[in-house]
Amino acid sequence: MNLAAISVLAFAMSTDAFAAAVGKGTALLKPRWSEALRTGAIFGVIEAITPIVGWALGSAASDYVKAWDHWIAFVLLLGLGGHMLLASLKTAEDEVEKPKSHGFWLLAVTGFATSIDAMAVGVGLAFLDVNILTVALAIGLATFTMVTLGVMVGRFVGAVAGRWAEGLGGILLMGIGALILFEHLKAG
């Protein structure tokens, strides 16, 4: 995986967290930088840990599925990207009311919920020749940045931009999955 692919993956993984951060920023009257940085740090750390956990789980099973690794990565990324794209198309009536509190545990649970996709991507990356620590760090930094900005701009752009970003992230994930499959099939 080259630097461009890692960057695109990191951005794609951070978009659902960005969408949640926009919601958090929208719920606040005047978001402060300290709250945005705190929220970004919580989400970023969780988002950096989950692909490592997924990678470890995937590595444990790698000997059993080496012949199918490219298809597994493709299906996981396609499914996650499709899920993110469908979630981005929900209307306001379909969404659950956003909480007004920014307590640590609420942010941690929200951060974990938005990082499940990163764990699944980690499982898929276990079957590829990739430095998981580099990818996890990139995902964590991208998430930190996107969440911090999402909180700060949330009151100005509202939930529409969050859904748009999540849809774009879903499309990017599906594209990465297709690229992985294409590169493997082309090499073989």
N, C-alpha and C. Protein backbone atom coordinates (compact mmCIF):
# COMPACT_ATOMS: atom_id res chain seq x y z
N MET A 1 0.85 -1.17 0.00
CA MET A 1 0.00 0.00 0.00
C MET A 1 0.90 1.24 0.00
N ASN A 2 0.69 2.12 -0.96
CA ASN A 2 1.53 3.31 -1.04
C ASN A 2 0.96 4.45 -0.19
N LEU A 3 1.70 5.55 -0.11
CA LEU A 3 1.32 6.68 0.74
C LEU A 3 -0.03 7.27 0.32
N ALA A 4 -0.26 7.35 -0.98
CA ALA A 4 -1.54 7.91 -1.45
C ALA A 4 -2.71 7.04 -1.01
N ALA A 5 -2.56 5.72 -1.15
CA ALA A 5 -3.64 4.80 -0.74
C ALA A 5 -3.87 4.86 0.77
N ILE A 6 -2.77 4.96 1.54
CA ILE A 6 -2.91 5.07 3.00
C ILE A 6 -3.62 6.37 3.36
N SER A 7 -3.29 7.45 2.67
CA SER A 7 -3.93 8.74 2.94
C SER A 7 -5.41 8.71 2.62
N VAL A 8 -5.76 8.12 1.49
CA VAL A 8 -7.17 8.01 1.11
C VAL A 8 -7.91 7.13 2.10
N LEU A 9 -7.30 6.02 2.50
CA LEU A 9 -7.91 5.14 3.49
C LEU A 9 -8.11 5.86 4.81
N ALA A 10 -7.11 6.59 5.25
CA ALA A 10 -7.21 7.33 6.52
C ALA A 10 -8.34 8.36 6.46
N PHE A 11 -8.42 9.07 5.36
CA PHE A 11 -9.51 10.04 5.19
C PHE A 11 -10.86 9.34 5.20
N ALA A 12 -10.97 8.25 4.46
CA ALA A 12 -12.24 7.53 4.39
C ALA A 12 -12.66 7.02 5.77
N MET A 13 -11.70 6.53 6.55
CA MET A 13 -12.02 6.02 7.87
C MET A 13 -12.45 7.12 8.83
N SER A 14 -12.04 8.35 8.56
CA SER A 14 -12.36 9.45 9.47
C SER A 14 -13.68 10.13 9.15
N THR A 15 -14.29 9.82 8.02
CA THR A 15 -15.48 10.57 7.63
C THR A 15 -16.70 10.28 8.50
N ASP A 16 -16.87 9.05 8.95
CA ASP A 16 -18.02 8.79 9.82
C ASP A 16 -17.82 9.46 11.18
N ALA A 17 -16.58 9.52 11.65
CA ALA A 17 -16.29 10.25 12.89
C ALA A 17 -16.52 11.75 12.67
N PHE A 18 -16.16 12.25 11.49
CA PHE A 18 -16.43 13.65 11.15
C PHE A 18 -17.93 13.93 11.20
N ALA A 19 -18.71 13.02 10.64
CA ALA A 19 -20.16 13.19 10.65
C ALA A 19 -20.68 13.27 12.08
N ALA A 20 -20.18 12.40 12.95
CA ALA A 20 -20.59 12.44 14.36
C ALA A 20 -20.14 13.74 15.02
N ALA A 21 -18.94 14.21 14.68
CA ALA A 21 -18.42 15.45 15.26
C ALA A 21 -19.23 16.66 14.82
N VAL A 22 -19.67 16.65 13.58
CA VAL A 22 -20.52 17.74 13.10
C VAL A 22 -21.80 17.77 13.94
N GLY A 23 -22.35 16.59 14.21
CA GLY A 23 -23.53 16.51 15.07
C GLY A 23 -23.25 17.04 16.46
N LYS A 24 -22.09 16.71 17.02
CA LYS A 24 -21.71 17.22 18.34
C LYS A 24 -21.57 18.73 18.31
N GLY A 25 -20.94 19.25 17.26
CA GLY A 25 -20.78 20.69 17.14
C GLY A 25 -22.10 21.40 16.94
N THR A 26 -23.01 20.77 16.21
CA THR A 26 -24.33 21.34 15.99
C THR A 26 -25.11 21.42 17.30
N ALA A 27 -24.90 20.45 18.19
CA ALA A 27 -25.63 20.41 19.46
C ALA A 27 -25.14 21.48 20.44
N LEU A 28 -23.95 22.02 20.22
CA LEU A 28 -23.41 23.04 21.12
C LEU A 28 -23.76 24.43 20.62
N LEU A 29 -23.98 25.34 21.56
CA LEU A 29 -24.27 26.72 21.19
C LEU A 29 -23.04 27.38 20.56
N LYS A 30 -21.91 27.30 21.23
CA LYS A 30 -20.66 27.86 20.71
C LYS A 30 -19.53 26.90 21.03
N PRO A 31 -19.22 25.99 20.09
CA PRO A 31 -18.13 25.04 20.36
C PRO A 31 -16.81 25.77 20.61
N ARG A 32 -16.05 25.28 21.60
CA ARG A 32 -14.76 25.87 21.93
C ARG A 32 -13.66 24.95 21.42
N TRP A 33 -12.48 25.52 21.15
CA TRP A 33 -11.37 24.72 20.65
C TRP A 33 -10.96 23.64 21.64
N SER A 34 -11.03 23.95 22.93
CA SER A 34 -10.64 22.94 23.91
C SER A 34 -11.55 21.71 23.83
N GLU A 35 -12.84 21.93 23.66
CA GLU A 35 -13.79 20.82 23.52
C GLU A 35 -13.56 20.08 22.21
N ALA A 36 -13.28 20.82 21.15
CA ALA A 36 -13.03 20.19 19.85
C ALA A 36 -11.77 19.33 19.88
N LEU A 37 -10.69 19.84 20.49
CA LEU A 37 -9.43 19.09 20.59
C LEU A 37 -9.61 17.84 21.47
N ARG A 38 -10.34 17.99 22.57
CA ARG A 38 -10.59 16.85 23.45
C ARG A 38 -11.39 15.76 22.72
N THR A 39 -12.42 16.18 22.01
CA THR A 39 -13.23 15.24 21.24
C THR A 39 -12.39 14.58 20.16
N GLY A 40 -11.58 15.36 19.45
CA GLY A 40 -10.71 14.82 18.40
C GLY A 40 -9.71 13.82 18.95
N ALA A 41 -9.14 14.11 20.12
CA ALA A 41 -8.17 13.20 20.73
C ALA A 41 -8.82 11.86 21.11
N ILE A 42 -9.99 11.92 21.70
CA ILE A 42 -10.68 10.69 22.10
C ILE A 42 -11.00 9.84 20.88
N PHE A 43 -11.60 10.46 19.88
CA PHE A 43 -11.94 9.72 18.65
C PHE A 43 -10.68 9.21 17.96
N GLY A 44 -9.65 10.05 17.85
CA GLY A 44 -8.43 9.69 17.13
C GLY A 44 -7.71 8.50 17.75
N VAL A 45 -7.62 8.47 19.08
CA VAL A 45 -6.94 7.36 19.76
C VAL A 45 -7.72 6.07 19.53
N ILE A 46 -9.02 6.13 19.70
CA ILE A 46 -9.84 4.92 19.50
C ILE A 46 -9.75 4.45 18.06
N GLU A 47 -9.82 5.39 17.13
CA GLU A 47 -9.78 5.04 15.70
C GLU A 47 -8.41 4.49 15.30
N ALA A 48 -7.35 4.85 16.01
CA ALA A 48 -6.02 4.31 15.72
C ALA A 48 -5.84 2.91 16.30
N ILE A 49 -6.50 2.62 17.41
CA ILE A 49 -6.36 1.31 18.06
C ILE A 49 -7.15 0.23 17.32
N THR A 50 -8.35 0.55 16.87
CA THR A 50 -9.23 -0.49 16.32
C THR A 50 -8.69 -1.19 15.07
N PRO A 51 -8.01 -0.52 14.13
CA PRO A 51 -7.48 -1.30 13.00
C PRO A 51 -6.36 -2.26 13.43
N ILE A 52 -5.63 -1.91 14.49
CA ILE A 52 -4.59 -2.81 15.00
C ILE A 52 -5.23 -4.07 15.58
N VAL A 53 -6.33 -3.88 16.31
CA VAL A 53 -7.06 -5.04 16.85
C VAL A 53 -7.58 -5.91 15.72
N GLY A 54 -8.18 -5.28 14.71
CA GLY A 54 -8.69 -6.03 13.55
C GLY A 54 -7.58 -6.74 12.81
N TRP A 55 -6.44 -6.07 12.65
CA TRP A 55 -5.30 -6.66 11.98
C TRP A 55 -4.80 -7.89 12.74
N ALA A 56 -4.75 -7.79 14.07
CA ALA A 56 -4.30 -8.93 14.88
C ALA A 56 -5.26 -10.12 14.72
N LEU A 57 -6.54 -9.84 14.72
CA LEU A 57 -7.52 -10.91 14.51
C LEU A 57 -7.38 -11.53 13.12
N GLY A 58 -7.21 -10.67 12.12
CA GLY A 58 -7.04 -11.16 10.76
C GLY A 58 -5.75 -11.93 10.57
N SER A 59 -4.68 -11.48 11.22
CA SER A 59 -3.39 -12.17 11.11
C SER A 59 -3.46 -13.57 11.70
N ALA A 60 -4.22 -13.73 12.75
CA ALA A 60 -4.36 -15.05 13.37
C ALA A 60 -4.98 -16.05 12.41
N ALA A 61 -5.79 -15.56 11.50
CA ALA A 61 -6.47 -16.45 10.55
C ALA A 61 -5.85 -16.44 9.16
N SER A 62 -4.73 -15.72 8.97
CA SER A 62 -4.19 -15.50 7.63
C SER A 62 -3.76 -16.78 6.92
N ASP A 63 -3.20 -17.74 7.63
CA ASP A 63 -2.76 -18.97 6.98
C ASP A 63 -3.92 -19.74 6.35
N TYR A 64 -5.11 -19.56 6.88
CA TYR A 64 -6.27 -20.29 6.41
C TYR A 64 -6.92 -19.65 5.18
N VAL A 65 -6.65 -18.37 4.96
CA VAL A 65 -7.39 -17.68 3.90
C VAL A 65 -6.49 -16.94 2.90
N LYS A 66 -5.21 -17.27 2.84
CA LYS A 66 -4.30 -16.56 1.93
C LYS A 66 -4.75 -16.55 0.48
N ALA A 67 -5.34 -17.63 0.03
CA ALA A 67 -5.77 -17.71 -1.36
C ALA A 67 -6.94 -16.78 -1.65
N TRP A 68 -7.63 -16.36 -0.63
CA TRP A 68 -8.82 -15.52 -0.80
C TRP A 68 -8.65 -14.12 -0.23
N ASP A 69 -7.45 -13.75 0.19
CA ASP A 69 -7.24 -12.50 0.92
C ASP A 69 -7.72 -11.26 0.16
N HIS A 70 -7.43 -11.18 -1.13
CA HIS A 70 -7.83 -10.02 -1.91
C HIS A 70 -9.36 -9.92 -2.01
N TRP A 71 -10.02 -11.07 -2.11
CA TRP A 71 -11.49 -11.06 -2.15
C TRP A 71 -12.07 -10.66 -0.80
N ILE A 72 -11.44 -11.10 0.29
CA ILE A 72 -11.91 -10.73 1.63
C ILE A 72 -11.79 -9.22 1.81
N ALA A 73 -10.63 -8.65 1.47
CA ALA A 73 -10.45 -7.20 1.59
C ALA A 73 -11.46 -6.46 0.72
N PHE A 74 -11.67 -6.95 -0.50
CA PHE A 74 -12.62 -6.32 -1.42
C PHE A 74 -14.04 -6.34 -0.84
N VAL A 75 -14.49 -7.50 -0.37
CA VAL A 75 -15.86 -7.62 0.15
C VAL A 75 -16.04 -6.78 1.41
N LEU A 76 -15.05 -6.80 2.32
CA LEU A 76 -15.16 -5.99 3.54
C LEU A 76 -15.24 -4.51 3.21
N LEU A 77 -14.35 -4.03 2.35
CA LEU A 77 -14.35 -2.61 2.01
C LEU A 77 -15.59 -2.22 1.22
N LEU A 78 -16.03 -3.10 0.33
CA LEU A 78 -17.24 -2.83 -0.43
C LEU A 78 -18.45 -2.75 0.51
N GLY A 79 -18.54 -3.71 1.43
CA GLY A 79 -19.66 -3.71 2.37
C GLY A 79 -19.65 -2.50 3.29
N LEU A 80 -18.47 -2.19 3.84
CA LEU A 80 -18.38 -1.03 4.73
C LEU A 80 -18.66 0.27 3.98
N GLY A 81 -18.09 0.38 2.80
CA GLY A 81 -18.34 1.58 2.00
C GLY A 81 -19.80 1.72 1.63
N GLY A 82 -20.42 0.60 1.24
CA GLY A 82 -21.85 0.64 0.92
C GLY A 82 -22.69 1.02 2.12
N HIS A 83 -22.33 0.49 3.29
CA HIS A 83 -23.06 0.83 4.52
C HIS A 83 -22.93 2.32 4.82
N MET A 84 -21.72 2.86 4.69
CA MET A 84 -21.52 4.29 4.94
C MET A 84 -22.30 5.12 3.92
N LEU A 85 -22.30 4.70 2.67
CA LEU A 85 -23.03 5.43 1.64
C LEU A 85 -24.53 5.42 1.93
N LEU A 86 -25.07 4.27 2.28
CA LEU A 86 -26.50 4.19 2.62
C LEU A 86 -26.83 5.02 3.85
N ALA A 87 -25.96 4.99 4.87
CA ALA A 87 -26.20 5.79 6.07
C ALA A 87 -26.21 7.27 5.73
N SER A 88 -25.42 7.68 4.76
CA SER A 88 -25.36 9.09 4.39
C SER A 88 -26.64 9.56 3.69
N LEU A 89 -27.41 8.61 3.17
CA LEU A 89 -28.63 8.96 2.45
C LEU A 89 -29.86 9.02 3.35
N LYS A 90 -29.71 8.73 4.63
CA LYS A 90 -30.83 8.80 5.56
C LYS A 90 -31.34 10.23 5.66
N THR A 91 -32.63 10.35 5.84
CA THR A 91 -33.21 11.68 6.04
C THR A 91 -33.16 12.03 7.52
N ALA A 92 -33.39 13.28 7.83
CA ALA A 92 -33.36 13.74 9.22
C ALA A 92 -34.36 12.98 10.08
N GLU A 93 -35.50 12.57 9.52
CA GLU A 93 -36.50 11.85 10.30
C GLU A 93 -36.02 10.45 10.69
N ASP A 94 -35.09 9.88 9.91
CA ASP A 94 -34.57 8.55 10.18
C ASP A 94 -33.53 8.54 11.30
N GLU A 95 -32.96 9.68 11.63
CA GLU A 95 -31.86 9.74 12.57
C GLU A 95 -32.34 9.82 14.01
N VAL A 96 -31.55 9.23 14.90
CA VAL A 96 -31.85 9.30 16.32
C VAL A 96 -31.45 10.68 16.82
N GLU A 97 -32.17 11.20 17.80
CA GLU A 97 -31.87 12.51 18.34
C GLU A 97 -30.46 12.52 18.93
N LYS A 98 -29.70 13.56 18.62
CA LYS A 98 -28.33 13.65 19.09
C LYS A 98 -28.30 14.12 20.54
N PRO A 99 -27.45 13.51 21.36
CA PRO A 99 -27.35 13.94 22.76
C PRO A 99 -26.69 15.32 22.85
N LYS A 100 -26.99 16.04 23.90
CA LYS A 100 -26.42 17.37 24.11
C LYS A 100 -25.16 17.34 24.97
N SER A 101 -24.90 16.23 25.63
CA SER A 101 -23.78 16.11 26.55
C SER A 101 -22.51 15.68 25.80
N HIS A 102 -21.38 16.19 26.31
CA HIS A 102 -20.09 15.80 25.75
C HIS A 102 -19.22 15.15 26.84
N GLY A 103 -19.82 14.30 27.67
CA GLY A 103 -19.05 13.59 28.69
C GLY A 103 -18.08 12.63 28.05
N PHE A 104 -17.02 12.27 28.79
CA PHE A 104 -15.97 11.40 28.27
C PHE A 104 -16.53 10.07 27.77
N TRP A 105 -17.35 9.40 28.57
CA TRP A 105 -17.83 8.07 28.19
C TRP A 105 -18.75 8.12 26.99
N LEU A 106 -19.55 9.17 26.88
CA LEU A 106 -20.40 9.31 25.70
C LEU A 106 -19.53 9.48 24.45
N LEU A 107 -18.49 10.30 24.56
CA LEU A 107 -17.58 10.49 23.42
C LEU A 107 -16.83 9.20 23.10
N ALA A 108 -16.40 8.47 24.14
CA ALA A 108 -15.67 7.22 23.92
C ALA A 108 -16.56 6.19 23.23
N VAL A 109 -17.79 6.08 23.67
CA VAL A 109 -18.71 5.12 23.05
C VAL A 109 -19.01 5.53 21.61
N THR A 110 -19.22 6.82 21.39
CA THR A 110 -19.46 7.30 20.03
C THR A 110 -18.23 7.07 19.17
N GLY A 111 -17.05 7.35 19.72
CA GLY A 111 -15.81 7.11 18.98
C GLY A 111 -15.62 5.65 18.63
N PHE A 112 -15.96 4.76 19.56
CA PHE A 112 -15.85 3.33 19.28
C PHE A 112 -16.85 2.91 18.21
N ALA A 113 -18.07 3.43 18.31
CA ALA A 113 -19.10 3.07 17.33
C ALA A 113 -18.69 3.49 15.92
N THR A 114 -18.04 4.65 15.81
CA THR A 114 -17.61 5.09 14.49
C THR A 114 -16.32 4.43 14.04
N SER A 115 -15.68 3.64 14.92
CA SER A 115 -14.41 3.01 14.55
C SER A 115 -14.55 1.52 14.25
N ILE A 116 -15.75 0.99 14.32
CA ILE A 116 -15.95 -0.43 13.99
C ILE A 116 -15.49 -0.70 12.56
N ASP A 117 -15.75 0.23 11.66
CA ASP A 117 -15.32 0.05 10.29
C ASP A 117 -13.80 -0.02 10.19
N ALA A 118 -13.09 0.74 11.01
CA ALA A 118 -11.63 0.69 11.01
C ALA A 118 -11.13 -0.67 11.50
N MET A 119 -11.85 -1.28 12.43
CA MET A 119 -11.47 -2.61 12.88
C MET A 119 -11.64 -3.62 11.75
N ALA A 120 -12.75 -3.51 11.04
CA ALA A 120 -12.98 -4.42 9.92
C ALA A 120 -11.94 -4.20 8.82
N VAL A 121 -11.57 -2.96 8.57
CA VAL A 121 -10.53 -2.68 7.59
C VAL A 121 -9.21 -3.29 8.06
N GLY A 122 -8.93 -3.23 9.36
CA GLY A 122 -7.73 -3.86 9.90
C GLY A 122 -7.70 -5.35 9.63
N VAL A 123 -8.86 -6.01 9.74
CA VAL A 123 -8.93 -7.44 9.41
C VAL A 123 -8.52 -7.64 7.96
N GLY A 124 -9.07 -6.83 7.06
CA GLY A 124 -8.72 -6.95 5.65
C GLY A 124 -7.25 -6.65 5.37
N LEU A 125 -6.69 -5.69 6.10
CA LEU A 125 -5.28 -5.33 5.89
C LEU A 125 -4.32 -6.42 6.36
N ALA A 126 -4.79 -7.29 7.23
CA ALA A 126 -3.93 -8.38 7.71
C ALA A 126 -3.53 -9.31 6.57
N PHE A 127 -4.30 -9.30 5.50
CA PHE A 127 -4.03 -10.18 4.36
C PHE A 127 -3.18 -9.51 3.29
N LEU A 128 -2.79 -8.28 3.53
CA LEU A 128 -1.99 -7.53 2.56
C LEU A 128 -0.63 -7.21 3.15
N ASP A 129 0.30 -6.86 2.30
CA ASP A 129 1.63 -6.46 2.76
C ASP A 129 1.58 -4.98 3.11
N VAL A 130 1.28 -4.69 4.38
CA VAL A 130 1.12 -3.31 4.81
C VAL A 130 1.62 -3.17 6.24
N ASN A 131 2.23 -2.03 6.55
CA ASN A 131 2.66 -1.74 7.91
C ASN A 131 1.46 -1.20 8.67
N ILE A 132 0.87 -2.02 9.52
CA ILE A 132 -0.36 -1.66 10.21
C ILE A 132 -0.17 -0.47 11.15
N LEU A 133 1.02 -0.31 11.72
CA LEU A 133 1.25 0.83 12.62
C LEU A 133 1.21 2.15 11.86
N THR A 134 1.77 2.16 10.65
CA THR A 134 1.71 3.36 9.82
C THR A 134 0.27 3.69 9.44
N VAL A 135 -0.47 2.68 9.04
CA VAL A 135 -1.87 2.88 8.65
C VAL A 135 -2.69 3.34 9.86
N ALA A 136 -2.49 2.69 11.01
CA ALA A 136 -3.24 3.05 12.21
C ALA A 136 -2.94 4.49 12.64
N LEU A 137 -1.67 4.88 12.58
CA LEU A 137 -1.29 6.24 12.92
C LEU A 137 -1.94 7.24 11.96
N ALA A 138 -1.92 6.93 10.68
CA ALA A 138 -2.54 7.81 9.68
C ALA A 138 -4.04 7.94 9.94
N ILE A 139 -4.70 6.83 10.24
CA ILE A 139 -6.14 6.86 10.53
C ILE A 139 -6.40 7.68 11.79
N GLY A 140 -5.60 7.47 12.82
CA GLY A 140 -5.78 8.21 14.07
C GLY A 140 -5.58 9.71 13.89
N LEU A 141 -4.54 10.10 13.15
CA LEU A 141 -4.29 11.53 12.90
C LEU A 141 -5.37 12.16 12.02
N ALA A 142 -5.78 11.44 11.00
CA ALA A 142 -6.85 11.96 10.14
C ALA A 142 -8.13 12.13 10.94
N THR A 143 -8.43 11.16 11.79
CA THR A 143 -9.64 11.23 12.60
C THR A 143 -9.55 12.38 13.59
N PHE A 144 -8.41 12.52 14.26
CA PHE A 144 -8.22 13.64 15.18
C PHE A 144 -8.48 14.97 14.48
N THR A 145 -7.89 15.14 13.31
CA THR A 145 -8.05 16.39 12.56
C THR A 145 -9.49 16.60 12.12
N MET A 146 -10.08 15.57 11.54
CA MET A 146 -11.45 15.70 11.02
C MET A 146 -12.47 15.93 12.13
N VAL A 147 -12.31 15.23 13.25
CA VAL A 147 -13.25 15.40 14.36
C VAL A 147 -13.10 16.78 14.98
N THR A 148 -11.87 17.23 15.17
CA THR A 148 -11.66 18.56 15.74
C THR A 148 -12.31 19.62 14.86
N LEU A 149 -12.08 19.53 13.56
CA LEU A 149 -12.70 20.49 12.64
C LEU A 149 -14.22 20.31 12.59
N GLY A 150 -14.68 19.07 12.63
CA GLY A 150 -16.11 18.79 12.59
C GLY A 150 -16.86 19.43 13.74
N VAL A 151 -16.29 19.36 14.93
CA VAL A 151 -16.93 19.99 16.09
C VAL A 151 -17.01 21.50 15.89
N MET A 152 -15.93 22.08 15.40
CA MET A 152 -15.88 23.54 15.26
C MET A 152 -16.80 24.08 14.16
N VAL A 153 -16.96 23.35 13.10
CA VAL A 153 -17.81 23.86 12.02
C VAL A 153 -19.24 23.32 12.10
N GLY A 154 -19.49 22.45 13.05
CA GLY A 154 -20.80 21.81 13.16
C GLY A 154 -21.98 22.76 13.21
N ARG A 155 -21.88 23.81 13.98
CA ARG A 155 -23.02 24.72 14.08
C ARG A 155 -23.26 25.52 12.80
N PHE A 156 -22.23 25.62 11.94
CA PHE A 156 -22.39 26.39 10.71
C PHE A 156 -22.93 25.55 9.55
N VAL A 157 -22.50 24.30 9.48
CA VAL A 157 -22.86 23.51 8.31
C VAL A 157 -23.95 22.49 8.59
N GLY A 158 -24.18 22.18 9.85
CA GLY A 158 -25.26 21.27 10.22
C GLY A 158 -25.01 19.84 9.78
N ALA A 159 -26.02 19.02 9.92
CA ALA A 159 -25.91 17.58 9.68
C ALA A 159 -25.78 17.23 8.20
N VAL A 160 -26.16 18.12 7.29
CA VAL A 160 -26.10 17.80 5.86
C VAL A 160 -24.67 17.54 5.41
N ALA A 161 -23.71 18.36 5.85
CA ALA A 161 -22.31 18.16 5.46
C ALA A 161 -21.76 16.88 6.06
N GLY A 162 -22.20 16.53 7.27
CA GLY A 162 -21.75 15.29 7.87
C GLY A 162 -22.19 14.09 7.07
N ARG A 163 -23.42 14.08 6.61
CA ARG A 163 -23.91 12.97 5.78
C ARG A 163 -23.20 12.95 4.44
N TRP A 164 -22.93 14.11 3.87
CA TRP A 164 -22.22 14.18 2.59
C TRP A 164 -20.82 13.59 2.74
N ALA A 165 -20.12 13.95 3.82
CA ALA A 165 -18.76 13.44 4.04
C ALA A 165 -18.78 11.93 4.25
N GLU A 166 -19.77 11.42 4.97
CA GLU A 166 -19.86 9.98 5.19
C GLU A 166 -20.10 9.25 3.86
N GLY A 167 -20.93 9.82 3.00
CA GLY A 167 -21.17 9.22 1.68
C GLY A 167 -19.92 9.19 0.84
N LEU A 168 -19.16 10.29 0.86
CA LEU A 168 -17.90 10.34 0.13
C LEU A 168 -16.92 9.31 0.67
N GLY A 169 -16.86 9.18 1.99
CA GLY A 169 -15.98 8.17 2.59
C GLY A 169 -16.37 6.77 2.16
N GLY A 170 -17.67 6.49 2.08
CA GLY A 170 -18.13 5.18 1.62
C GLY A 170 -17.72 4.90 0.19
N ILE A 171 -17.84 5.89 -0.66
CA ILE A 171 -17.43 5.74 -2.05
C ILE A 171 -15.92 5.49 -2.14
N LEU A 172 -15.14 6.21 -1.33
CA LEU A 172 -13.69 6.02 -1.33
C LEU A 172 -13.32 4.61 -0.86
N LEU A 173 -14.00 4.11 0.17
CA LEU A 173 -13.71 2.75 0.65
C LEU A 173 -14.01 1.72 -0.44
N MET A 174 -15.13 1.87 -1.11
CA MET A 174 -15.46 0.94 -2.20
C MET A 174 -14.41 1.01 -3.30
N GLY A 175 -13.92 2.21 -3.59
CA GLY A 175 -12.88 2.37 -4.60
C GLY A 175 -11.58 1.70 -4.20
N ILE A 176 -11.19 1.82 -2.93
CA ILE A 176 -9.98 1.17 -2.45
C ILE A 176 -10.13 -0.35 -2.56
N GLY A 177 -11.30 -0.86 -2.19
CA GLY A 177 -11.55 -2.30 -2.30
C GLY A 177 -11.43 -2.77 -3.74
N ALA A 178 -11.99 -2.02 -4.65
CA ALA A 178 -11.91 -2.37 -6.07
C ALA A 178 -10.46 -2.30 -6.57
N LEU A 179 -9.71 -1.31 -6.10
CA LEU A 179 -8.30 -1.18 -6.49
C LEU A 179 -7.47 -2.37 -5.99
N ILE A 180 -7.71 -2.79 -4.75
CA ILE A 180 -7.01 -3.96 -4.20
C ILE A 180 -7.28 -5.19 -5.05
N LEU A 181 -8.55 -5.40 -5.37
CA LEU A 181 -8.92 -6.57 -6.18
C LEU A 181 -8.30 -6.47 -7.58
N PHE A 182 -8.38 -5.30 -8.19
CA PHE A 182 -7.83 -5.09 -9.53
C PHE A 182 -6.34 -5.35 -9.54
N GLU A 183 -5.58 -4.81 -8.57
CA GLU A 183 -4.13 -5.00 -8.53
C GLU A 183 -3.78 -6.46 -8.37
N HIS A 184 -4.53 -7.19 -7.54
CA HIS A 184 -4.24 -8.61 -7.34
C HIS A 184 -4.54 -9.41 -8.59
N LEU A 185 -5.67 -9.16 -9.21
CA LEU A 185 -6.06 -9.90 -10.42
C LEU A 185 -5.11 -9.58 -11.58
N LYS A 186 -4.66 -8.33 -11.66
CA LYS A 186 -3.73 -7.92 -12.70
C LYS A 186 -2.37 -8.60 -12.51
N ALA A 187 -1.93 -8.74 -11.25
CA ALA A 187 -0.62 -9.36 -10.95
C ALA A 187 -0.67 -10.87 -11.17
N GLY A 188 -1.86 -11.47 -11.01
CA GLY A 188 -1.97 -12.93 -11.10
C GLY A 188 -2.32 -13.40 -12.44
